[in-house]
């Protein structure tokens, strides 16, 4: 499910030919956002796996912020930097084991050092 009512200015503001970007037109409306926010991550569900798509400013589950995006982006950057992918994770070790083997420069379960010459 894609959030459609995130309180984010770039996504919430109407086009200039429709209306000015004000608190009323962008944040205090119940309408979906005018624009799709690509690449932004919302806070997500609570501990009971409950999530509601609303524009409430006090709803961290639907708010886009660097706190949500930074950790995810850093994780992906680390995977790319260490050349970790699904094919390598299916060579006899689990995902975490492959990361640790790469960091420690030790061979995998088959005795191969898959990070060399890749």
C-alpha atoms as a PDB file:
ATOM      1  CA  UNK A   1       0.000   0.000   0.000  1.00  0.00           C
ATOM      2  CA  UNK A   2       1.322   3.408  -0.914  1.00  0.00           C
ATOM      3  CA  UNK A   3       0.732   6.336   1.455  1.00  0.00           C
ATOM      4  CA  UNK A   4      -1.388   8.969  -0.258  1.00  0.00           C
ATOM      5  CA  UNK A   5      -1.742  11.524   2.541  1.00  0.00           C
ATOM      6  CA  UNK A   6       1.746  12.138   3.870  1.00  0.00           C
ATOM      7  CA  UNK A   7       2.324  15.571   5.423  1.00  0.00           C
ATOM      8  CA  UNK A   8       5.137  16.443   3.031  1.00  0.00           C
ATOM      9  CA  UNK A   9       5.200  19.793   1.249  1.00  0.00           C
ATOM     10  CA  UNK A  10       6.526  18.545  -2.097  1.00  0.00           C
ATOM     11  CA  UNK A  11       3.818  15.894  -2.288  1.00  0.00           C
ATOM     12  CA  UNK A  12       0.955  17.734  -0.601  1.00  0.00           C
ATOM     13  CA  UNK A  13       1.024  21.134  -2.311  1.00  0.00           C
ATOM     14  CA  UNK A  14      -1.320  21.612  -5.254  1.00  0.00           C
ATOM     15  CA  UNK A  15       0.083  22.731  -8.609  1.00  0.00           C
ATOM     16  CA  UNK A  16       0.366  26.536  -8.896  1.00  0.00           C
ATOM     17  CA  UNK A  17      -2.455  26.689 -11.453  1.00  0.00           C
ATOM     18  CA  UNK A  18      -4.844  24.962  -9.010  1.00  0.00           C
ATOM     19  CA  UNK A  19      -4.194  26.799  -5.735  1.00  0.00           C
ATOM     20  CA  UNK A  20      -1.498  28.401  -3.618  1.00  0.00           C
ATOM     21  CA  UNK A  21       0.421  26.116  -1.288  1.00  0.00           C
ATOM     22  CA  UNK A  22      -1.012  26.985   2.113  1.00  0.00           C
ATOM     23  CA  UNK A  23      -1.635  25.065   5.311  1.00  0.00           C
ATOM     24  CA  UNK A  24      -5.282  24.754   4.279  1.00  0.00           C
ATOM     25  CA  UNK A  25      -4.603  23.510   0.741  1.00  0.00           C
ATOM     26  CA  UNK A  26      -1.713  21.208   1.606  1.00  0.00           C
ATOM     27  CA  UNK A  27      -1.923  20.053   5.214  1.00  0.00           C
ATOM     28  CA  UNK A  28      -5.426  20.585   6.565  1.00  0.00           C
ATOM     29  CA  UNK A  29      -7.159  18.785   3.729  1.00  0.00           C
ATOM     30  CA  UNK A  30      -8.429  15.213   3.705  1.00  0.00           C
ATOM     31  CA  UNK A  31      -7.749  14.848  -0.029  1.00  0.00           C
ATOM     32  CA  UNK A  32      -4.894  12.638  -1.249  1.00  0.00           C
ATOM     33  CA  UNK A  33      -1.591  14.293  -2.132  1.00  0.00           C
ATOM     34  CA  UNK A  34      -1.364  15.956  -5.508  1.00  0.00           C
ATOM     35  CA  UNK A  35       2.023  14.436  -6.265  1.00  0.00           C
ATOM     36  CA  UNK A  36       3.629  11.042  -5.723  1.00  0.00           C
ATOM     37  CA  UNK A  37       6.554  11.256  -3.338  1.00  0.00           C
ATOM     38  CA  UNK A  38       9.156   8.889  -4.755  1.00  0.00           C
ATOM     39  CA  UNK A  39      11.888   7.536  -2.492  1.00  0.00           C
ATOM     40  CA  UNK A  40      10.465   8.816   0.777  1.00  0.00           C
ATOM     41  CA  UNK A  41       9.784   6.324   3.555  1.00  0.00           C
ATOM     42  CA  UNK A  42       7.048   6.847   6.099  1.00  0.00           C
ATOM     43  CA  UNK A  43       7.369   5.719   9.717  1.00  0.00           C
ATOM     44  CA  UNK A  44       5.295   2.576   9.187  1.00  0.00           C
ATOM     45  CA  UNK A  45       2.987   0.553  11.412  1.00  0.00           C
ATOM     46  CA  UNK A  46       2.955   0.602  15.190  1.00  0.00           C
ATOM     47  CA  UNK A  47       3.749  -2.335  17.502  1.00  0.00           C
ATOM     48  CA  UNK A  48       0.361  -3.886  16.722  1.00  0.00           C
ATOM     49  CA  UNK A  49       0.996  -3.658  12.957  1.00  0.00           C
ATOM     50  CA  UNK A  50      -1.614  -0.892  12.672  1.00  0.00           C
ATOM     51  CA  UNK A  51      -1.128   1.945  10.186  1.00  0.00           C
ATOM     52  CA  UNK A  52      -3.508   4.620   8.985  1.00  0.00           C
ATOM     53  CA  UNK A  53      -3.003   6.870   5.968  1.00  0.00           C
ATOM     54  CA  UNK A  54      -3.815  10.342   7.271  1.00  0.00           C
ATOM     55  CA  UNK A  55      -2.172  13.736   7.254  1.00  0.00           C
ATOM     56  CA  UNK A  56      -2.177  14.242  11.018  1.00  0.00           C
ATOM     57  CA  UNK A  57       0.976  16.148  11.959  1.00  0.00           C
ATOM     58  CA  UNK A  58       1.268  14.084  15.155  1.00  0.00           C
ATOM     59  CA  UNK A  59       1.169  10.749  13.337  1.00  0.00           C
ATOM     60  CA  UNK A  60       4.774   9.510  13.044  1.00  0.00           C
ATOM     61  CA  UNK A  61       3.552   6.416  11.191  1.00  0.00           C
ATOM     62  CA  UNK A  62       2.709   8.489   8.114  1.00  0.00           C
ATOM     63  CA  UNK A  63       5.399  11.165   8.340  1.00  0.00           C
ATOM     64  CA  UNK A  64       8.308  11.222   5.907  1.00  0.00           C
ATOM     65  CA  UNK A  65      11.591  12.095   7.597  1.00  0.00           C
ATOM     66  CA  UNK A  66      15.319  11.546   7.423  1.00  0.00           C
ATOM     67  CA  UNK A  67      15.050   9.334  10.504  1.00  0.00           C
ATOM     68  CA  UNK A  68      13.055   6.822   8.448  1.00  0.00           C
ATOM     69  CA  UNK A  69      15.053   7.123   5.248  1.00  0.00           C
ATOM     70  CA  UNK A  70      18.641   7.393   6.525  1.00  0.00           C
ATOM     71  CA  UNK A  71      18.882   3.952   8.154  1.00  0.00           C
ATOM     72  CA  UNK A  72      17.340   2.207   5.163  1.00  0.00           C
ATOM     73  CA  UNK A  73      19.586   4.089   2.719  1.00  0.00           C
ATOM     74  CA  UNK A  74      22.690   3.346   4.800  1.00  0.00           C
ATOM     75  CA  UNK A  75      21.830  -0.356   4.882  1.00  0.00           C
ATOM     76  CA  UNK A  76      21.406  -0.511   1.126  1.00  0.00           C
ATOM     77  CA  UNK A  77      24.634   1.433   0.588  1.00  0.00           C
ATOM     78  CA  UNK A  78      26.492  -1.046   2.824  1.00  0.00           C
ATOM     79  CA  UNK A  79      25.102  -4.004   0.901  1.00  0.00           C
ATOM     80  CA  UNK A  80      26.103  -2.474  -2.414  1.00  0.00           C
ATOM     81  CA  UNK A  81      29.540  -1.467  -1.124  1.00  0.00           C
ATOM     82  CA  UNK A  82      30.207  -5.000   0.155  1.00  0.00           C
ATOM     83  CA  UNK A  83      28.735  -6.550  -3.001  1.00  0.00           C
ATOM     84  CA  UNK A  84      26.174  -8.586  -1.045  1.00  0.00           C
ATOM     85  CA  UNK A  85      23.283  -9.929  -3.122  1.00  0.00           C
ATOM     86  CA  UNK A  86      20.781 -12.784  -3.049  1.00  0.00           C
ATOM     87  CA  UNK A  87      22.826 -15.077  -5.292  1.00  0.00           C
ATOM     88  CA  UNK A  88      25.750 -14.911  -2.901  1.00  0.00           C
ATOM     89  CA  UNK A  89      23.500 -15.405   0.100  1.00  0.00           C
ATOM     90  CA  UNK A  90      22.262 -18.679  -1.388  1.00  0.00           C
ATOM     91  CA  UNK A  91      25.729 -20.244  -1.581  1.00  0.00           C
ATOM     92  CA  UNK A  92      25.467 -22.070   1.728  1.00  0.00           C
ATOM     93  CA  UNK A  93      25.437 -19.229   4.241  1.00  0.00           C
ATOM     94  CA  UNK A  94      22.773 -16.902   5.483  1.00  0.00           C
ATOM     95  CA  UNK A  95      22.641 -13.203   4.831  1.00  0.00           C
ATOM     96  CA  UNK A  96      24.312 -12.120   8.079  1.00  0.00           C
ATOM     97  CA  UNK A  97      26.906 -14.884   7.809  1.00  0.00           C
ATOM     98  CA  UNK A  98      27.874 -13.671   4.342  1.00  0.00           C
ATOM     99  CA  UNK A  99      28.357 -10.141   5.586  1.00  0.00           C
ATOM    100  CA  UNK A 100      30.531 -11.338   8.462  1.00  0.00           C
ATOM    101  CA  UNK A 101      32.574 -13.614   6.193  1.00  0.00           C
ATOM    102  CA  UNK A 102      33.204 -10.725   3.837  1.00  0.00           C
ATOM    103  CA  UNK A 103      34.218  -8.393   6.661  1.00  0.00           C
ATOM    104  CA  UNK A 104      36.526 -11.007   8.187  1.00  0.00           C
ATOM    105  CA  UNK A 105      37.768 -12.075   4.721  1.00  0.00           C
ATOM    106  CA  UNK A 106      37.052 -15.744   5.416  1.00  0.00           C
ATOM    107  CA  UNK A 107      35.812 -18.383   2.936  1.00  0.00           C
ATOM    108  CA  UNK A 108      32.161 -19.411   2.780  1.00  0.00           C
ATOM    109  CA  UNK A 109      30.684 -22.856   3.553  1.00  0.00           C
ATOM    110  CA  UNK A 110      32.058 -24.325   0.298  1.00  0.00           C
ATOM    111  CA  UNK A 111      35.552 -23.027   1.030  1.00  0.00           C
ATOM    112  CA  UNK A 112      35.350 -20.394  -1.688  1.00  0.00           C
ATOM    113  CA  UNK A 113      36.263 -16.796  -1.240  1.00  0.00           C
ATOM    114  CA  UNK A 114      33.455 -15.537  -3.424  1.00  0.00           C
ATOM    115  CA  UNK A 115      34.372 -11.881  -2.981  1.00  0.00           C
ATOM    116  CA  UNK A 116      37.637 -12.355  -4.834  1.00  0.00           C
ATOM    117  CA  UNK A 117      37.496 -11.920  -8.583  1.00  0.00           C
ATOM    118  CA  UNK A 118      33.874 -10.857  -8.616  1.00  0.00           C
END
